[in-house]
């Protein structure tokens, strides 16, 4: 099976740790994988992906929160 995983957080927290464990499990089962990570990160997720042998593509993923009005 071919699996694409997207992780857009800038640091490795609980969800990212679970995602990495899931990717390791998929790899053990022989699935073809690719991960998409954000370019706006501390790089830890990418390092961990490399350590388990999962290829990745970097994209500028982020969320922007703007106020509805510039007046307060």
N, C-alpha and C. Protein backbone atom coordinates (compact mmCIF):
# COMPACT_ATOMS: atom_id res chain seq x y z
N UNK A 1 0.85 -1.16 0.00
CA UNK A 1 0.00 0.00 0.00
C UNK A 1 0.91 1.24 0.00
N UNK A 2 0.48 2.30 -0.66
CA UNK A 2 1.21 3.58 -0.68
C UNK A 2 0.53 4.53 0.30
N UNK A 3 1.32 5.09 1.21
CA UNK A 3 0.77 5.93 2.27
C UNK A 3 1.47 7.29 2.27
N UNK A 4 0.67 8.37 2.28
CA UNK A 4 1.17 9.72 2.39
C UNK A 4 0.73 10.27 3.75
N UNK A 5 1.69 10.75 4.54
CA UNK A 5 1.39 11.30 5.86
C UNK A 5 1.78 12.77 5.88
N UNK A 6 0.88 13.62 6.37
CA UNK A 6 1.15 15.05 6.46
C UNK A 6 1.23 15.45 7.93
N UNK A 7 2.34 16.07 8.30
CA UNK A 7 2.52 16.56 9.66
C UNK A 7 2.94 18.02 9.57
N UNK A 8 2.07 18.92 10.00
CA UNK A 8 2.32 20.35 9.80
C UNK A 8 2.75 21.08 11.05
N UNK A 9 2.94 20.40 12.15
CA UNK A 9 3.34 21.10 13.37
C UNK A 9 4.81 21.47 13.31
N UNK A 10 5.21 22.50 14.02
CA UNK A 10 6.59 22.97 13.97
C UNK A 10 7.50 22.31 14.99
N UNK A 11 6.93 21.53 15.93
CA UNK A 11 7.72 20.81 16.92
C UNK A 11 7.16 19.41 17.08
N UNK A 12 7.95 18.52 17.65
CA UNK A 12 7.51 17.14 17.88
C UNK A 12 6.87 17.07 19.27
N UNK A 13 5.57 16.88 19.27
CA UNK A 13 4.81 16.70 20.50
C UNK A 13 4.13 15.33 20.45
N UNK A 14 3.02 15.17 21.14
CA UNK A 14 2.35 13.87 21.24
C UNK A 14 1.86 13.32 19.91
N UNK A 15 1.16 14.13 19.13
CA UNK A 15 0.61 13.65 17.85
C UNK A 15 1.73 13.27 16.89
N UNK A 16 2.81 14.03 16.88
CA UNK A 16 3.93 13.73 15.99
C UNK A 16 4.66 12.46 16.43
N UNK A 17 4.77 12.26 17.74
CA UNK A 17 5.39 11.03 18.24
C UNK A 17 4.56 9.81 17.85
N UNK A 18 3.26 9.93 17.97
CA UNK A 18 2.37 8.83 17.57
C UNK A 18 2.48 8.59 16.07
N UNK A 19 2.54 9.66 15.28
CA UNK A 19 2.69 9.54 13.83
C UNK A 19 3.97 8.80 13.48
N UNK A 20 5.07 9.15 14.14
CA UNK A 20 6.35 8.47 13.87
C UNK A 20 6.27 6.98 14.22
N UNK A 21 5.64 6.65 15.33
CA UNK A 21 5.47 5.22 15.70
C UNK A 21 4.61 4.50 14.66
N UNK A 22 3.56 5.15 14.18
CA UNK A 22 2.70 4.58 13.15
C UNK A 22 3.49 4.33 11.87
N UNK A 23 4.32 5.31 11.47
CA UNK A 23 5.14 5.16 10.26
C UNK A 23 6.12 4.01 10.40
N UNK A 24 6.71 3.85 11.58
CA UNK A 24 7.61 2.72 11.82
C UNK A 24 6.88 1.40 11.64
N UNK A 25 5.65 1.33 12.16
CA UNK A 25 4.85 0.12 12.02
C UNK A 25 4.50 -0.18 10.57
N UNK A 26 4.11 0.85 9.83
CA UNK A 26 3.82 0.67 8.41
C UNK A 26 5.05 0.18 7.66
N UNK A 27 6.21 0.72 8.01
CA UNK A 27 7.44 0.31 7.34
C UNK A 27 7.74 -1.16 7.61
N UNK A 28 7.57 -1.58 8.85
CA UNK A 28 7.79 -3.00 9.19
C UNK A 28 6.87 -3.92 8.40
N UNK A 29 5.68 -3.42 8.07
CA UNK A 29 4.72 -4.22 7.30
C UNK A 29 4.98 -4.14 5.79
N UNK A 30 5.98 -3.35 5.38
CA UNK A 30 6.36 -3.29 3.97
C UNK A 30 5.63 -2.26 3.12
N UNK A 31 4.94 -1.31 3.74
CA UNK A 31 4.21 -0.30 2.97
C UNK A 31 5.15 0.77 2.42
N UNK A 32 4.85 1.28 1.23
CA UNK A 32 5.59 2.37 0.61
C UNK A 32 5.07 3.68 1.19
N UNK A 33 5.97 4.54 1.67
CA UNK A 33 5.54 5.74 2.37
C UNK A 33 6.25 7.00 1.91
N UNK A 34 5.58 8.11 2.13
CA UNK A 34 6.14 9.44 1.92
C UNK A 34 5.53 10.33 2.99
N UNK A 35 6.34 11.16 3.61
CA UNK A 35 5.86 12.09 4.62
C UNK A 35 6.01 13.51 4.11
N UNK A 36 5.04 14.35 4.43
CA UNK A 36 5.10 15.78 4.12
C UNK A 36 5.25 16.50 5.45
N UNK A 37 6.30 17.31 5.56
CA UNK A 37 6.55 18.07 6.79
C UNK A 37 6.69 19.55 6.44
N UNK A 38 6.53 20.38 7.45
CA UNK A 38 6.59 21.82 7.24
C UNK A 38 8.03 22.31 7.20
N UNK A 39 8.29 23.27 6.32
CA UNK A 39 9.60 23.92 6.28
C UNK A 39 9.78 24.82 7.50
N UNK A 40 8.68 25.24 8.10
CA UNK A 40 8.73 26.10 9.28
C UNK A 40 8.71 25.23 10.53
N UNK A 41 9.83 24.60 10.81
CA UNK A 41 9.91 23.70 11.96
C UNK A 41 11.29 23.79 12.58
N UNK A 42 11.45 23.11 13.70
CA UNK A 42 12.76 23.05 14.33
C UNK A 42 13.63 21.94 13.73
N UNK A 43 13.08 21.17 12.78
CA UNK A 43 13.83 20.13 12.09
C UNK A 43 13.85 18.78 12.77
N UNK A 44 13.31 18.69 13.97
CA UNK A 44 13.35 17.42 14.71
C UNK A 44 12.53 16.32 14.03
N UNK A 45 11.35 16.66 13.51
CA UNK A 45 10.52 15.66 12.84
C UNK A 45 11.26 15.09 11.64
N UNK A 46 11.92 15.95 10.87
CA UNK A 46 12.68 15.51 9.70
C UNK A 46 13.83 14.58 10.11
N UNK A 47 14.52 14.93 11.19
CA UNK A 47 15.61 14.07 11.68
C UNK A 47 15.09 12.69 12.06
N UNK A 48 13.96 12.66 12.72
CA UNK A 48 13.39 11.36 13.14
C UNK A 48 12.90 10.56 11.94
N UNK A 49 12.36 11.24 10.92
CA UNK A 49 11.96 10.54 9.71
C UNK A 49 13.17 9.88 9.05
N UNK A 50 14.26 10.64 8.95
CA UNK A 50 15.48 10.09 8.34
C UNK A 50 16.00 8.90 9.13
N UNK A 51 15.91 8.97 10.45
CA UNK A 51 16.44 7.88 11.27
C UNK A 51 15.67 6.57 11.07
N UNK A 52 14.39 6.66 10.69
CA UNK A 52 13.63 5.44 10.44
C UNK A 52 13.51 5.13 8.94
N UNK A 53 14.15 5.98 8.11
CA UNK A 53 14.20 5.69 6.67
C UNK A 53 12.95 6.02 5.89
N UNK A 54 12.22 7.06 6.30
CA UNK A 54 11.01 7.47 5.60
C UNK A 54 11.35 8.71 4.77
N UNK A 55 11.15 8.68 3.44
CA UNK A 55 11.41 9.88 2.63
C UNK A 55 10.39 10.97 2.93
N UNK A 56 10.81 12.23 2.74
CA UNK A 56 9.90 13.33 3.04
C UNK A 56 9.97 14.41 1.97
N UNK A 57 8.91 15.18 1.90
CA UNK A 57 8.85 16.38 1.08
C UNK A 57 8.55 17.53 2.03
N UNK A 58 9.28 18.63 1.89
CA UNK A 58 9.05 19.78 2.74
C UNK A 58 8.19 20.81 2.02
N UNK A 59 7.20 21.34 2.72
CA UNK A 59 6.31 22.35 2.17
C UNK A 59 6.08 23.42 3.23
N UNK A 60 5.81 24.66 2.82
CA UNK A 60 5.57 25.73 3.80
C UNK A 60 4.16 25.65 4.39
N UNK A 61 3.92 24.65 5.21
CA UNK A 61 2.62 24.45 5.84
C UNK A 61 2.56 25.26 7.13
N UNK A 62 1.49 25.98 7.32
CA UNK A 62 1.32 26.75 8.55
C UNK A 62 -0.11 27.25 8.64
N UNK A 63 -0.47 27.70 9.81
CA UNK A 63 -1.77 28.31 10.03
C UNK A 63 -1.55 29.77 10.40
N UNK A 64 -2.36 30.64 9.86
CA UNK A 64 -2.27 32.05 10.16
C UNK A 64 -3.58 32.48 10.80
N UNK A 65 -3.50 33.08 11.95
CA UNK A 65 -4.71 33.57 12.63
C UNK A 65 -4.71 35.10 12.56
N UNK A 66 -5.70 35.65 11.92
CA UNK A 66 -5.85 37.09 11.80
C UNK A 66 -7.12 37.54 12.51
N UNK A 67 -7.07 38.72 13.13
CA UNK A 67 -8.29 39.23 13.76
C UNK A 67 -9.31 39.61 12.69
N UNK A 68 -10.58 39.56 13.05
CA UNK A 68 -11.64 39.94 12.11
C UNK A 68 -11.60 41.43 11.81
N UNK A 69 -11.10 42.19 12.76
CA UNK A 69 -11.01 43.64 12.59
C UNK A 69 -9.66 44.11 13.14
N UNK A 70 -9.08 45.11 12.50
CA UNK A 70 -7.82 45.63 13.01
C UNK A 70 -8.03 46.54 14.21
N UNK A 71 -9.29 46.99 14.43
CA UNK A 71 -9.58 47.81 15.60
C UNK A 71 -9.91 46.93 16.78
N UNK A 72 -9.48 47.37 17.95
CA UNK A 72 -9.75 46.60 19.16
C UNK A 72 -10.77 47.29 20.00
